Amino acid sequence: MTDSLLEIEKLNVSYRGNGRVARILDGVDLSIGHGRSVGLVGESGSGKSTVAFALLGLLAENAEISVGHAAFNGKKRDFGGRDTAALCGTDIAIIFQDPMTALNPMFTIGTQLVDIQRRRFPKESRRALWARAQAVLADVGVSDAAARMHRYPHEFSGGMRQRVVIAMALLVEPKLLLADEPTTALDATVEAQVVDVLQRLRRRTSASMLIVSHSVGLIAELCDSVVVMYAGTVVESGPVDDVLRSPSHPYTRALLACEIDPYEAFNPSQDLATIPGSVPDPAHRPEGCIFAGRCPQRHDRCSERPPQRHMAGGRTYSCWLETTQ
């Protein structure tokens, strides 16, 4: 993994409370190459956002974090501590899920775009930072950027606020850009516009990206590889085209079956697939396969922890069932 910008091995996150220990992440491995885009996909509650927040040191104070190995840009790091905080706003930036709560309603967009740059460019004048912010705001598709710099967040639509948050992340020129559900709560047209902005940025910048989403379609559009998570565990990973075309893990197959065909979205006869059962309680995780309770292919061996199987092309999956793909 010498070509990796980010390397994480055996990342664990748990919380203690009311005499219980809730294990949110269980041995998560993650590697992101320079200039590459990786997608984290899974149901709500699978631990995707927890991975992103752990990288930024944004977890609650009572979070217990351990990691077998962590490195960023070739240097070992203590993710979750002060070492991580030093990277925020400089080498790592994030696009939050809800742009309205990510922006301060008391200050203009221009003021916030200028202030976000102070850590990266402490010696630059306000005039220079303002001009730079205005240029980047226009670059992400905000029309009449000069006038919009003087407006407040509530004067922007949801899609425009998301563009502002993207501009804030880009202004610090990060080596790694995290996007936590960047198109959630946006209508289809605005979602397509935001995806187009992110695709253009990928082509124009050398930043690596970690896209967190429950949408397989979004991951397919924006990412080179995908990591499929279930209940805080990585169940499958590999090149996005290979994994989505021929998934090896039963959960990945079930997740893909739940995707709605956009061309059939208004067809009342379209079958809406679901995954029976519910995600296990993190305070009472099963000893064996984490997906066994909902898996249609479960068998007696699933009471034991499954092995991680390696396939050609850098693909991996954790299951007792072998695949010939």
C-alpha atoms as a PDB file:
ATOM      1  CA  MET A   1       0.000   0.000   0.000  1.00  0.00           C
ATOM      2  CA  THR A   2       2.967   2.315  -0.612  1.00  0.00           C
ATOM      3  CA  ASP A   3       0.975   4.317  -3.189  1.00  0.00           C
ATOM      4  CA  SER A   4      -1.787   5.034  -0.669  1.00  0.00           C
ATOM      5  CA  LEU A   5      -2.561   8.511   0.619  1.00  0.00           C
ATOM      6  CA  LEU A   6      -4.583   7.028   3.496  1.00  0.00           C
ATOM      7  CA  GLU A   7      -4.080   3.635   5.116  1.00  0.00           C
ATOM      8  CA  ILE A   8      -6.284   2.328   7.912  1.00  0.00           C
ATOM      9  CA  GLU A   9      -6.125  -1.181   9.331  1.00  0.00           C
ATOM     10  CA  LYS A  10      -8.376  -2.605  12.043  1.00  0.00           C
ATOM     11  CA  LEU A  11     -10.216   0.570  12.998  1.00  0.00           C
ATOM     12  CA  ASN A  12     -12.516  -0.023  15.990  1.00  0.00           C
ATOM     13  CA  VAL A  13     -14.953   2.446  17.550  1.00  0.00           C
ATOM     14  CA  SER A  14     -17.170   1.729  20.562  1.00  0.00           C
ATOM     15  CA  TYR A  15     -19.216   3.616  23.146  1.00  0.00           C
ATOM     16  CA  ARG A  16     -19.859   2.763  26.798  1.00  0.00           C
ATOM     17  CA  GLY A  17     -23.084   3.622  28.558  1.00  0.00           C
ATOM     18  CA  ASN A  18     -25.681   2.134  30.898  1.00  0.00           C
ATOM     19  CA  GLY A  19     -23.389  -0.789  31.610  1.00  0.00           C
ATOM     20  CA  ARG A  20     -23.156  -1.733  27.935  1.00  0.00           C
ATOM     21  CA  VAL A  21     -20.496  -1.457  25.252  1.00  0.00           C
ATOM     22  CA  ALA A  22     -21.808  -0.630  21.784  1.00  0.00           C
ATOM     23  CA  ARG A  23     -19.284  -1.579  19.122  1.00  0.00           C
ATOM     24  CA  ILE A  24     -19.956   0.732  16.176  1.00  0.00           C
ATOM     25  CA  LEU A  25     -16.965  -0.180  13.997  1.00  0.00           C
ATOM     26  CA  ASP A  26     -15.352  -3.602  14.073  1.00  0.00           C
ATOM     27  CA  GLY A  27     -11.960  -3.976  12.400  1.00  0.00           C
ATOM     28  CA  VAL A  28     -12.511  -1.666   9.418  1.00  0.00           C
ATOM     29  CA  ASP A  29      -9.743  -1.592   6.789  1.00  0.00           C
ATOM     30  CA  LEU A  30      -9.564   1.299   4.329  1.00  0.00           C
ATOM     31  CA  SER A  31      -7.011   2.372   1.739  1.00  0.00           C
ATOM     32  CA  ILE A  32      -7.250   5.386  -0.588  1.00  0.00           C
ATOM     33  CA  GLY A  33      -4.653   5.963  -3.291  1.00  0.00           C
ATOM     34  CA  HIS A  34      -3.374   9.352  -4.415  1.00  0.00           C
ATOM     35  CA  GLY A  35      -5.930  10.945  -6.722  1.00  0.00           C
ATOM     36  CA  ARG A  36      -8.372   8.063  -6.271  1.00  0.00           C
ATOM     37  CA  SER A  37     -12.002   8.077  -5.180  1.00  0.00           C
ATOM     38  CA  VAL A  38     -13.361   5.440  -2.793  1.00  0.00           C
ATOM     39  CA  GLY A  39     -17.017   4.959  -1.889  1.00  0.00           C
ATOM     40  CA  LEU A  40     -18.386   3.737   1.446  1.00  0.00           C
ATOM     41  CA  VAL A  41     -21.843   2.271   0.895  1.00  0.00           C
ATOM     42  CA  GLY A  42     -24.376   0.543   3.123  1.00  0.00           C
ATOM     43  CA  GLU A  43     -27.681   0.965   4.924  1.00  0.00           C
ATOM     44  CA  SER A  44     -28.298   3.658   7.497  1.00  0.00           C
ATOM     45  CA  GLY A  45     -26.526   2.606  10.692  1.00  0.00           C
ATOM     46  CA  SER A  46     -23.798   0.662   8.905  1.00  0.00           C
ATOM     47  CA  GLY A  47     -21.055   2.915  10.309  1.00  0.00           C
ATOM     48  CA  LYS A  48     -20.144   4.800   7.120  1.00  0.00           C
ATOM     49  CA  SER A  49     -20.248   8.299   8.603  1.00  0.00           C
ATOM     50  CA  THR A  50     -18.504   7.069  11.766  1.00  0.00           C
ATOM     51  CA  VAL A  51     -15.491   6.134   9.638  1.00  0.00           C
ATOM     52  CA  ALA A  52     -15.374   9.644   8.147  1.00  0.00           C
ATOM     53  CA  PHE A  53     -15.818  11.370  11.512  1.00  0.00           C
ATOM     54  CA  ALA A  54     -13.156   9.163  13.096  1.00  0.00           C
ATOM     55  CA  LEU A  55     -10.684  10.317  10.442  1.00  0.00           C
ATOM     56  CA  LEU A  56     -11.444  13.931  11.377  1.00  0.00           C
ATOM     57  CA  GLY A  57     -11.509  13.422  15.132  1.00  0.00           C
ATOM     58  CA  LEU A  58     -15.168  14.507  15.249  1.00  0.00           C
ATOM     59  CA  LEU A  59     -16.557  11.627  17.314  1.00  0.00           C
ATOM     60  CA  ALA A  60     -18.101  12.201  20.736  1.00  0.00           C
ATOM     61  CA  GLU A  61     -15.760  12.483  23.714  1.00  0.00           C
ATOM     62  CA  ASN A  62     -16.867   9.118  25.089  1.00  0.00           C
ATOM     63  CA  ALA A  63     -15.889   7.296  21.894  1.00  0.00           C
ATOM     64  CA  GLU A  64     -13.250   4.615  22.399  1.00  0.00           C
ATOM     65  CA  ILE A  65     -11.054   4.371  19.315  1.00  0.00           C
ATOM     66  CA  SER A  66      -8.356   1.853  18.500  1.00  0.00           C
ATOM     67  CA  VAL A  67      -6.526   1.164  15.255  1.00  0.00           C
ATOM     68  CA  GLY A  68      -3.955  -1.411  14.269  1.00  0.00           C
ATOM     69  CA  HIS A  69      -2.200   0.835  11.776  1.00  0.00           C
ATOM     70  CA  ALA A  70      -2.937   4.318  10.438  1.00  0.00           C
ATOM     71  CA  ALA A  71      -0.934   6.460   8.036  1.00  0.00           C
ATOM     72  CA  PHE A  72      -1.601   9.583   6.010  1.00  0.00           C
ATOM     73  CA  ASN A  73       0.626  10.600   3.129  1.00  0.00           C
ATOM     74  CA  GLY A  74       3.281   8.138   4.239  1.00  0.00           C
ATOM     75  CA  LYS A  75       3.361   9.251   7.874  1.00  0.00           C
ATOM     76  CA  LYS A  76       1.917   7.280  10.783  1.00  0.00           C
ATOM     77  CA  ARG A  77      -1.008   9.032  12.447  1.00  0.00           C
ATOM     78  CA  ASP A  78      -2.994   8.749  15.661  1.00  0.00           C
ATOM     79  CA  PHE A  79      -6.484   9.043  14.221  1.00  0.00           C
ATOM     80  CA  GLY A  80      -9.014  10.357  16.664  1.00  0.00           C
ATOM     81  CA  GLY A  81      -6.510  12.457  18.639  1.00  0.00           C
ATOM     82  CA  ARG A  82      -4.764  15.804  18.311  1.00  0.00           C
ATOM     83  CA  ASP A  83      -2.692  14.373  15.493  1.00  0.00           C
ATOM     84  CA  THR A  84      -5.846  14.114  13.399  1.00  0.00           C
ATOM     85  CA  ALA A  85      -7.098  17.571  14.351  1.00  0.00           C
ATOM     86  CA  ALA A  86      -3.928  19.072  12.850  1.00  0.00           C
ATOM     87  CA  LEU A  87      -4.990  17.731   9.436  1.00  0.00           C
ATOM     88  CA  CYS A  88      -8.496  19.240   9.515  1.00  0.00           C
ATOM     89  CA  GLY A  89      -8.918  22.302   7.365  1.00  0.00           C
ATOM     90  CA  THR A  90      -5.519  21.777   5.756  1.00  0.00           C
ATOM     91  CA  ASP A  91      -4.876  18.307   4.351  1.00  0.00           C
ATOM     92  CA  ILE A  92      -8.378  16.914   4.963  1.00  0.00           C
ATOM     93  CA  ALA A  93     -11.704  18.668   4.341  1.00  0.00           C
ATOM     94  CA  ILE A  94     -15.294  17.481   4.503  1.00  0.00           C
ATOM     95  CA  ILE A  95     -18.573  18.197   2.752  1.00  0.00           C
ATOM     96  CA  PHE A  96     -21.200  17.661   5.444  1.00  0.00           C
ATOM     97  CA  GLN A  97     -24.539  15.990   4.846  1.00  0.00           C
ATOM     98  CA  ASP A  98     -26.698  19.003   5.761  1.00  0.00           C
ATOM     99  CA  PRO A  99     -25.304  22.269   4.345  1.00  0.00           C
ATOM    100  CA  MET A 100     -27.745  24.387   6.357  1.00  0.00           C
ATOM    101  CA  THR A 101     -26.348  23.178   9.681  1.00  0.00           C
ATOM    102  CA  ALA A 102     -22.778  23.318   8.344  1.00  0.00           C
ATOM    103  CA  LEU A 103     -23.104  27.060   7.658  1.00  0.00           C
ATOM    104  CA  ASN A 104     -23.420  29.751  10.329  1.00  0.00           C
ATOM    105  CA  PRO A 105     -26.688  31.680   9.802  1.00  0.00           C
ATOM    106  CA  MET A 106     -25.227  34.794  11.500  1.00  0.00           C
ATOM    107  CA  PHE A 107     -22.512  35.462   8.925  1.00  0.00           C
ATOM    108  CA  THR A 108     -22.498  36.083   5.191  1.00  0.00           C
ATOM    109  CA  ILE A 109     -21.289  33.430   2.809  1.00  0.00           C
ATOM    110  CA  GLY A 110     -18.291  35.590   1.917  1.00  0.00           C
ATOM    111  CA  THR A 111     -17.197  35.943   5.540  1.00  0.00           C
ATOM    112  CA  GLN A 112     -17.399  32.194   6.081  1.00  0.00           C
ATOM    113  CA  LEU A 113     -15.514  31.416   2.858  1.00  0.00           C
ATOM    114  CA  VAL A 114     -12.756  33.802   3.906  1.00  0.00           C
ATOM    115  CA  ASP A 115     -12.504  32.506   7.479  1.00  0.00           C
ATOM    116  CA  ILE A 116     -12.267  28.877   6.359  1.00  0.00           C
ATOM    117  CA  GLN A 117      -9.012  29.738   4.565  1.00  0.00           C
ATOM    118  CA  ARG A 118      -7.251  31.299   7.571  1.00  0.00           C
ATOM    119  CA  ARG A 119      -5.708  28.043   8.755  1.00  0.00           C
ATOM    120  CA  ARG A 120      -4.336  27.132   5.348  1.00  0.00           C
ATOM    121  CA  PHE A 121      -3.195  30.655   4.354  1.00  0.00           C
ATOM    122  CA  PRO A 122      -2.583  32.556   7.626  1.00  0.00           C
ATOM    123  CA  LYS A 123      -0.476  35.306   6.029  1.00  0.00           C
ATOM    124  CA  GLU A 124      -2.811  36.148   3.138  1.00  0.00           C
ATOM    125  CA  SER A 125      -4.724  39.430   3.202  1.00  0.00           C
ATOM    126  CA  ARG A 126      -8.494  39.476   3.511  1.00  0.00           C
ATOM    127  CA  ARG A 127      -8.714  41.014   0.038  1.00  0.00           C
ATOM    128  CA  ALA A 128      -6.776  38.125  -1.482  1.00  0.00           C
ATOM    129  CA  LEU A 129      -8.803  35.502   0.396  1.00  0.00           C
ATOM    130  CA  TRP A 130     -12.063  37.196  -0.642  1.00  0.00           C
ATOM    131  CA  ALA A 131     -11.070  37.214  -4.309  1.00  0.00           C
ATOM    132  CA  ARG A 132     -10.033  33.584  -4.135  1.00  0.00           C
ATOM    133  CA  ALA A 133     -13.294  32.587  -2.433  1.00  0.00           C
ATOM    134  CA  GLN A 134     -15.349  34.430  -5.037  1.00  0.00           C
ATOM    135  CA  ALA A 135     -13.508  32.668  -7.861  1.00  0.00           C
ATOM    136  CA  VAL A 136     -14.037  29.214  -6.346  1.00  0.00           C
ATOM    137  CA  LEU A 137     -17.707  29.980  -5.627  1.00  0.00           C
ATOM    138  CA  ALA A 138     -18.203  30.796  -9.295  1.00  0.00           C
ATOM    139  CA  ASP A 139     -16.244  27.699 -10.254  1.00  0.00           C
ATOM    140  CA  VAL A 140     -18.672  25.375  -8.449  1.00  0.00           C
ATOM    141  CA  GLY A 141     -21.578  26.861 -10.371  1.00  0.00           C
ATOM    142  CA  VAL A 142     -22.958  29.664  -8.176  1.00  0.00           C
ATOM    143  CA  SER A 143     -24.136  32.392 -10.529  1.00  0.00           C
ATOM    144  CA  ASP A 144     -23.397  36.056  -9.778  1.00  0.00           C
ATOM    145  CA  ALA A 145     -20.810  35.004  -7.211  1.00  0.00           C
ATOM    146  CA  ALA A 146     -19.734  38.593  -6.461  1.00  0.00           C
ATOM    147  CA  ALA A 147     -23.210  39.493  -5.186  1.00  0.00           C
ATOM    148  CA  ARG A 148     -23.839  36.109  -3.530  1.00  0.00           C
ATOM    149  CA  MET A 149     -20.751  36.575  -1.353  1.00  0.00           C
ATOM    150  CA  HIS A 150     -22.717  39.215   0.586  1.00  0.00           C
ATOM    151  CA  ARG A 151     -25.783  36.999   1.130  1.00  0.00           C
ATOM    152  CA  TYR A 152     -26.676  34.819   4.134  1.00  0.00           C
ATOM    153  CA  PRO A 153     -27.200  31.008   4.039  1.00  0.00           C
ATOM    154  CA  HIS A 154     -31.010  31.254   4.316  1.00  0.00           C
ATOM    155  CA  GLU A 155     -31.037  33.229   1.063  1.00  0.00           C
ATOM    156  CA  PHE A 156     -29.723  30.198  -0.851  1.00  0.00           C
ATOM    157  CA  SER A 157     -31.594  27.126  -2.039  1.00  0.00           C
ATOM    158  CA  GLY A 158     -30.564  23.688  -0.775  1.00  0.00           C
ATOM    159  CA  GLY A 159     -28.588  22.970  -3.933  1.00  0.00           C
ATOM    160  CA  MET A 160     -26.815  26.321  -3.803  1.00  0.00           C
ATOM    161  CA  ARG A 161     -25.927  25.821  -0.136  1.00  0.00           C
ATOM    162  CA  GLN A 162     -24.415  22.468  -1.019  1.00  0.00           C
ATOM    163  CA  ARG A 163     -22.277  24.184  -3.663  1.00  0.00           C
ATOM    164  CA  VAL A 164     -21.139  26.697  -1.040  1.00  0.00           C
ATOM    165  CA  VAL A 165     -20.080  23.851   1.277  1.00  0.00           C
ATOM    166  CA  ILE A 166     -18.202  22.210  -1.614  1.00  0.00           C
ATOM    167  CA  ALA A 167     -16.455  25.539  -2.270  1.00  0.00           C
ATOM    168  CA  MET A 168     -15.464  25.748   1.420  1.00  0.00           C
ATOM    169  CA  ALA A 169     -13.862  22.319   1.227  1.00  0.00           C
ATOM    170  CA  LEU A 170     -11.968  23.143  -1.962  1.00  0.00           C
ATOM    171  CA  LEU A 171     -10.623  26.454  -0.681  1.00  0.00           C
ATOM    172  CA  VAL A 172      -8.269  24.683   1.730  1.00  0.00           C
ATOM    173  CA  GLU A 173      -6.830  22.642  -1.164  1.00  0.00           C
ATOM    174  CA  PRO A 174      -7.073  19.313   0.689  1.00  0.00           C
ATOM    175  CA  LYS A 175      -5.206  16.176  -0.209  1.00  0.00           C
ATOM    176  CA  LEU A 176      -8.292  14.194   0.894  1.00  0.00           C
ATOM    177  CA  LEU A 177     -11.874  15.357   0.435  1.00  0.00           C
ATOM    178  CA  LEU A 178     -14.579  13.581   2.452  1.00  0.00           C
ATOM    179  CA  ALA A 179     -18.184  13.838   1.262  1.00  0.00           C
ATOM    180  CA  ASP A 180     -20.814  12.620   3.749  1.00  0.00           C
ATOM    181  CA  GLU A 181     -24.065  11.928   1.858  1.00  0.00           C
ATOM    182  CA  PRO A 182     -23.498  14.997  -0.371  1.00  0.00           C
ATOM    183  CA  THR A 183     -26.812  14.657  -2.246  1.00  0.00           C
ATOM    184  CA  THR A 184     -29.162  13.737   0.616  1.00  0.00           C
ATOM    185  CA  ALA A 185     -32.485  15.660   0.648  1.00  0.00           C
ATOM    186  CA  LEU A 186     -31.836  17.171  -2.789  1.00  0.00           C
ATOM    187  CA  ASP A 187     -34.319  16.687  -5.608  1.00  0.00           C
ATOM    188  CA  ALA A 188     -33.248  14.683  -8.650  1.00  0.00           C
ATOM    189  CA  THR A 189     -32.327  17.691 -10.795  1.00  0.00           C
ATOM    190  CA  VAL A 190     -30.211  19.392  -8.122  1.00  0.00           C
ATOM    191  CA  GLU A 191     -28.617  16.055  -7.196  1.00  0.00           C
ATOM    192  CA  ALA A 192     -27.500  15.614 -10.808  1.00  0.00           C
ATOM    193  CA  GLN A 193     -26.004  19.114 -10.777  1.00  0.00           C
ATOM    194  CA  VAL A 194     -24.065  18.462  -7.554  1.00  0.00           C
ATOM    195  CA  VAL A 195     -22.781  15.152  -8.939  1.00  0.00           C
ATOM    196  CA  ASP A 196     -21.653  16.999 -12.079  1.00  0.00           C
ATOM    197  CA  VAL A 197     -19.755  19.526  -9.927  1.00  0.00           C
ATOM    198  CA  LEU A 198     -17.982  16.725  -8.038  1.00  0.00           C
ATOM    199  CA  GLN A 199     -17.133  14.908 -11.273  1.00  0.00           C
ATOM    200  CA  ARG A 200     -15.621  18.065 -12.757  1.00  0.00           C
ATOM    201  CA  LEU A 201     -13.584  18.606  -9.602  1.00  0.00           C
ATOM    202  CA  ARG A 202     -12.253  15.066  -9.804  1.00  0.00           C
ATOM    203  CA  ARG A 203     -11.028  15.694 -13.324  1.00  0.00           C
ATOM    204  CA  ARG A 204      -9.424  19.028 -12.472  1.00  0.00           C
ATOM    205  CA  THR A 205      -7.830  18.375  -9.073  1.00  0.00           C
ATOM    206  CA  SER A 206      -5.473  15.738  -7.755  1.00  0.00           C
ATOM    207  CA  ALA A 207      -7.331  15.366  -4.445  1.00  0.00           C
ATOM    208  CA  SER A 208      -8.370  11.927  -3.287  1.00  0.00           C
ATOM    209  CA  MET A 209     -12.010  11.480  -2.291  1.00  0.00           C
ATOM    210  CA  LEU A 210     -13.981   9.384   0.181  1.00  0.00           C
ATOM    211  CA  ILE A 211     -17.675   9.379  -0.734  1.00  0.00           C
ATOM    212  CA  VAL A 212     -20.056   8.210   2.006  1.00  0.00           C
ATOM    213  CA  SER A 213     -23.492   7.273   0.685  1.00  0.00           C
ATOM    214  CA  HIS A 214     -26.371   4.821   0.892  1.00  0.00           C
ATOM    215  CA  SER A 215     -26.863   5.299  -2.858  1.00  0.00           C
ATOM    216  CA  VAL A 216     -25.144   2.682  -4.991  1.00  0.00           C
ATOM    217  CA  GLY A 217     -25.853   4.810  -8.066  1.00  0.00           C
ATOM    218  CA  LEU A 218     -23.937   7.785  -6.656  1.00  0.00           C
ATOM    219  CA  ILE A 219     -20.989   5.573  -5.753  1.00  0.00           C
ATOM    220  CA  ALA A 220     -20.980   4.117  -9.281  1.00  0.00           C
ATOM    221  CA  GLU A 221     -20.799   7.609 -10.789  1.00  0.00           C
ATOM    222  CA  LEU A 222     -18.110   9.097  -8.571  1.00  0.00           C
ATOM    223  CA  CYS A 223     -15.830   6.308  -7.356  1.00  0.00           C
ATOM    224  CA  ASP A 224     -13.022   4.068  -8.601  1.00  0.00           C
ATOM    225  CA  SER A 225     -13.506   1.487  -5.846  1.00  0.00           C
ATOM    226  CA  VAL A 226     -16.160   0.679  -3.281  1.00  0.00           C
ATOM    227  CA  VAL A 227     -16.198  -0.566   0.311  1.00  0.00           C
ATOM    228  CA  VAL A 228     -19.478  -2.214   1.325  1.00  0.00           C
ATOM    229  CA  MET A 229     -20.267  -1.926   5.032  1.00  0.00           C
ATOM    230  CA  TYR A 230     -22.817  -3.692   7.180  1.00  0.00           C
ATOM    231  CA  ALA A 231     -23.268  -3.082  10.919  1.00  0.00           C
ATOM    232  CA  GLY A 232     -19.796  -1.563  11.299  1.00  0.00           C
ATOM    233  CA  THR A 233     -18.065  -4.337   9.359  1.00  0.00           C
ATOM    234  CA  VAL A 234     -16.575  -4.341   5.863  1.00  0.00           C
ATOM    235  CA  VAL A 235     -18.185  -7.253   4.029  1.00  0.00           C
ATOM    236  CA  GLU A 236     -16.858  -6.614   0.514  1.00  0.00           C
ATOM    237  CA  SER A 237     -14.507  -4.256  -1.320  1.00  0.00           C
ATOM    238  CA  GLY A 238     -12.901  -3.841  -4.713  1.00  0.00           C
ATOM    239  CA  PRO A 239     -13.070  -1.929  -8.014  1.00  0.00           C
ATOM    240  CA  VAL A 240     -16.503  -0.357  -8.262  1.00  0.00           C
ATOM    241  CA  ASP A 241     -17.366  -1.782 -11.698  1.00  0.00           C
ATOM    242  CA  ASP A 242     -16.403  -5.326 -10.712  1.00  0.00           C
ATOM    243  CA  VAL A 243     -18.204  -5.298  -7.357  1.00  0.00           C
ATOM    244  CA  LEU A 244     -21.420  -3.797  -8.698  1.00  0.00           C
ATOM    245  CA  ARG A 245     -21.445  -5.984 -11.803  1.00  0.00           C
ATOM    246  CA  SER A 246     -20.826  -9.271  -9.992  1.00  0.00           C
ATOM    247  CA  PRO A 247     -21.124  -8.921  -6.187  1.00  0.00           C
ATOM    248  CA  SER A 248     -19.738 -11.792  -4.128  1.00  0.00           C
ATOM    249  CA  HIS A 249     -21.260 -11.144  -0.691  1.00  0.00           C
ATOM    250  CA  PRO A 250     -24.983 -11.871  -0.094  1.00  0.00           C
ATOM    251  CA  TYR A 251     -25.420  -8.439   1.527  1.00  0.00           C
ATOM    252  CA  THR A 252     -24.002  -6.635  -1.500  1.00  0.00           C
ATOM    253  CA  ARG A 253     -26.384  -8.542  -3.738  1.00  0.00           C
ATOM    254  CA  ALA A 254     -29.319  -7.702  -1.458  1.00  0.00           C
ATOM    255  CA  LEU A 255     -28.310  -4.030  -1.364  1.00  0.00           C
ATOM    256  CA  LEU A 256     -28.170  -3.835  -5.158  1.00  0.00           C
ATOM    257  CA  ALA A 257     -31.562  -5.538  -5.425  1.00  0.00           C
ATOM    258  CA  CYS A 258     -33.046  -2.712  -3.347  1.00  0.00           C
ATOM    259  CA  GLU A 259     -31.953  -0.033  -5.806  1.00  0.00           C
ATOM    260  CA  ILE A 260     -34.855   1.595  -7.640  1.00  0.00           C
ATOM    261  CA  ASP A 261     -34.600   1.760 -11.429  1.00  0.00           C
ATOM    262  CA  PRO A 262     -34.891   5.505 -12.181  1.00  0.00           C
ATOM    263  CA  TYR A 263     -36.596   4.722 -15.486  1.00  0.00           C
ATOM    264  CA  GLU A 264     -39.239   2.714 -13.630  1.00  0.00           C
ATOM    265  CA  ALA A 265     -39.618   5.050 -10.645  1.00  0.00           C
ATOM    266  CA  PHE A 266     -43.203   5.973 -11.527  1.00  0.00           C
ATOM    267  CA  ASN A 267     -44.251   2.501 -12.584  1.00  0.00           C
ATOM    268  CA  PRO A 268     -46.768   1.287  -9.973  1.00  0.00           C
ATOM    269  CA  SER A 269     -46.037  -2.326 -10.900  1.00  0.00           C
ATOM    270  CA  GLN A 270     -42.340  -2.065 -10.078  1.00  0.00           C
ATOM    271  CA  ASP A 271     -41.377  -4.426  -7.275  1.00  0.00           C
ATOM    272  CA  LEU A 272     -39.713  -2.717  -4.310  1.00  0.00           C
ATOM    273  CA  ALA A 273     -37.217  -5.147  -2.806  1.00  0.00           C
ATOM    274  CA  THR A 274     -36.356  -5.086   0.885  1.00  0.00           C
ATOM    275  CA  ILE A 275     -33.926  -6.937   3.129  1.00  0.00           C
ATOM    276  CA  PRO A 276     -35.888  -8.869   5.789  1.00  0.00           C
ATOM    277  CA  GLY A 277     -34.991  -8.378   9.427  1.00  0.00           C
ATOM    278  CA  SER A 278     -33.039  -5.533  11.006  1.00  0.00           C
ATOM    279  CA  VAL A 279     -29.449  -4.493  11.687  1.00  0.00           C
ATOM    280  CA  PRO A 280     -28.128  -6.193  14.860  1.00  0.00           C
ATOM    281  CA  ASP A 281     -27.820  -4.228  18.099  1.00  0.00           C
ATOM    282  CA  PRO A 282     -24.202  -2.959  18.301  1.00  0.00           C
ATOM    283  CA  ALA A 283     -24.211  -3.850  21.999  1.00  0.00           C
ATOM    284  CA  HIS A 284     -25.096  -7.474  21.194  1.00  0.00           C
ATOM    285  CA  ARG A 285     -23.204  -8.303  18.034  1.00  0.00           C
ATOM    286  CA  PRO A 286     -23.432 -11.943  16.882  1.00  0.00           C
ATOM    287  CA  GLU A 287     -20.280 -14.020  17.319  1.00  0.00           C
ATOM    288  CA  GLY A 288     -20.275 -15.384  13.780  1.00  0.00           C
ATOM    289  CA  CYS A 289     -21.174 -13.758  10.482  1.00  0.00           C
ATOM    290  CA  ILE A 290     -22.613 -10.300  11.141  1.00  0.00           C
ATOM    291  CA  PHE A 291     -25.157 -10.713   8.304  1.00  0.00           C
ATOM    292  CA  ALA A 292     -26.244 -14.266   9.126  1.00  0.00           C
ATOM    293  CA  GLY A 293     -29.521 -13.238  10.776  1.00  0.00           C
ATOM    294  CA  ARG A 294     -30.788 -11.671   7.536  1.00  0.00           C
ATOM    295  CA  CYS A 295     -28.993 -13.797   4.948  1.00  0.00           C
ATOM    296  CA  PRO A 296     -31.095 -16.100   2.715  1.00  0.00           C
ATOM    297  CA  GLN A 297     -28.035 -18.335   2.205  1.00  0.00           C
ATOM    298  CA  ARG A 298     -27.082 -18.830   5.854  1.00  0.00           C
ATOM    299  CA  HIS A 299     -26.043 -22.268   7.071  1.00  0.00           C
ATOM    300  CA  ASP A 300     -24.576 -23.891  10.181  1.00  0.00           C
ATOM    301  CA  ARG A 301     -21.037 -22.592   9.536  1.00  0.00           C
ATOM    302  CA  CYS A 302     -22.290 -19.003   9.753  1.00  0.00           C
ATOM    303  CA  SER A 303     -22.189 -19.237  13.547  1.00  0.00           C
ATOM    304  CA  GLU A 304     -18.412 -18.832  13.165  1.00  0.00           C
ATOM    305  CA  ARG A 305     -16.672 -15.648  11.997  1.00  0.00           C
ATOM    306  CA  PRO A 306     -16.194 -15.948   8.210  1.00  0.00           C
ATOM    307  CA  PRO A 307     -12.765 -15.708   6.557  1.00  0.00           C
ATOM    308  CA  GLN A 308     -11.742 -12.811   4.342  1.00  0.00           C
ATOM    309  CA  ARG A 309     -11.424 -14.150   0.826  1.00  0.00           C
ATOM    310  CA  HIS A 310      -9.190 -12.490  -1.774  1.00  0.00           C
ATOM    311  CA  MET A 311     -10.004 -12.442  -5.467  1.00  0.00           C
ATOM    312  CA  ALA A 312      -8.266 -11.228  -8.599  1.00  0.00           C
ATOM    313  CA  GLY A 313      -8.136  -7.482  -9.152  1.00  0.00           C
ATOM    314  CA  GLY A 314      -7.830  -6.567  -5.492  1.00  0.00           C
ATOM    315  CA  ARG A 315     -11.331  -7.700  -4.532  1.00  0.00           C
ATOM    316  CA  THR A 316     -12.105  -9.072  -1.062  1.00  0.00           C
ATOM    317  CA  TYR A 317     -15.214 -10.344   0.693  1.00  0.00           C
ATOM    318  CA  SER A 318     -15.988 -12.010   4.028  1.00  0.00           C
ATOM    319  CA  CYS A 319     -18.248 -15.035   3.698  1.00  0.00           C
ATOM    320  CA  TRP A 320     -18.196 -18.815   4.126  1.00  0.00           C
ATOM    321  CA  LEU A 321     -19.634 -19.189   0.637  1.00  0.00           C
ATOM    322  CA  GLU A 322     -16.972 -19.319  -2.052  1.00  0.00           C
ATOM    323  CA  THR A 323     -17.594 -17.660  -5.361  1.00  0.00           C
ATOM    324  CA  THR A 324     -16.229 -18.619  -8.753  1.00  0.00           C
ATOM    325  CA  GLN A 325     -16.465 -15.078 -10.158  1.00  0.00           C
END
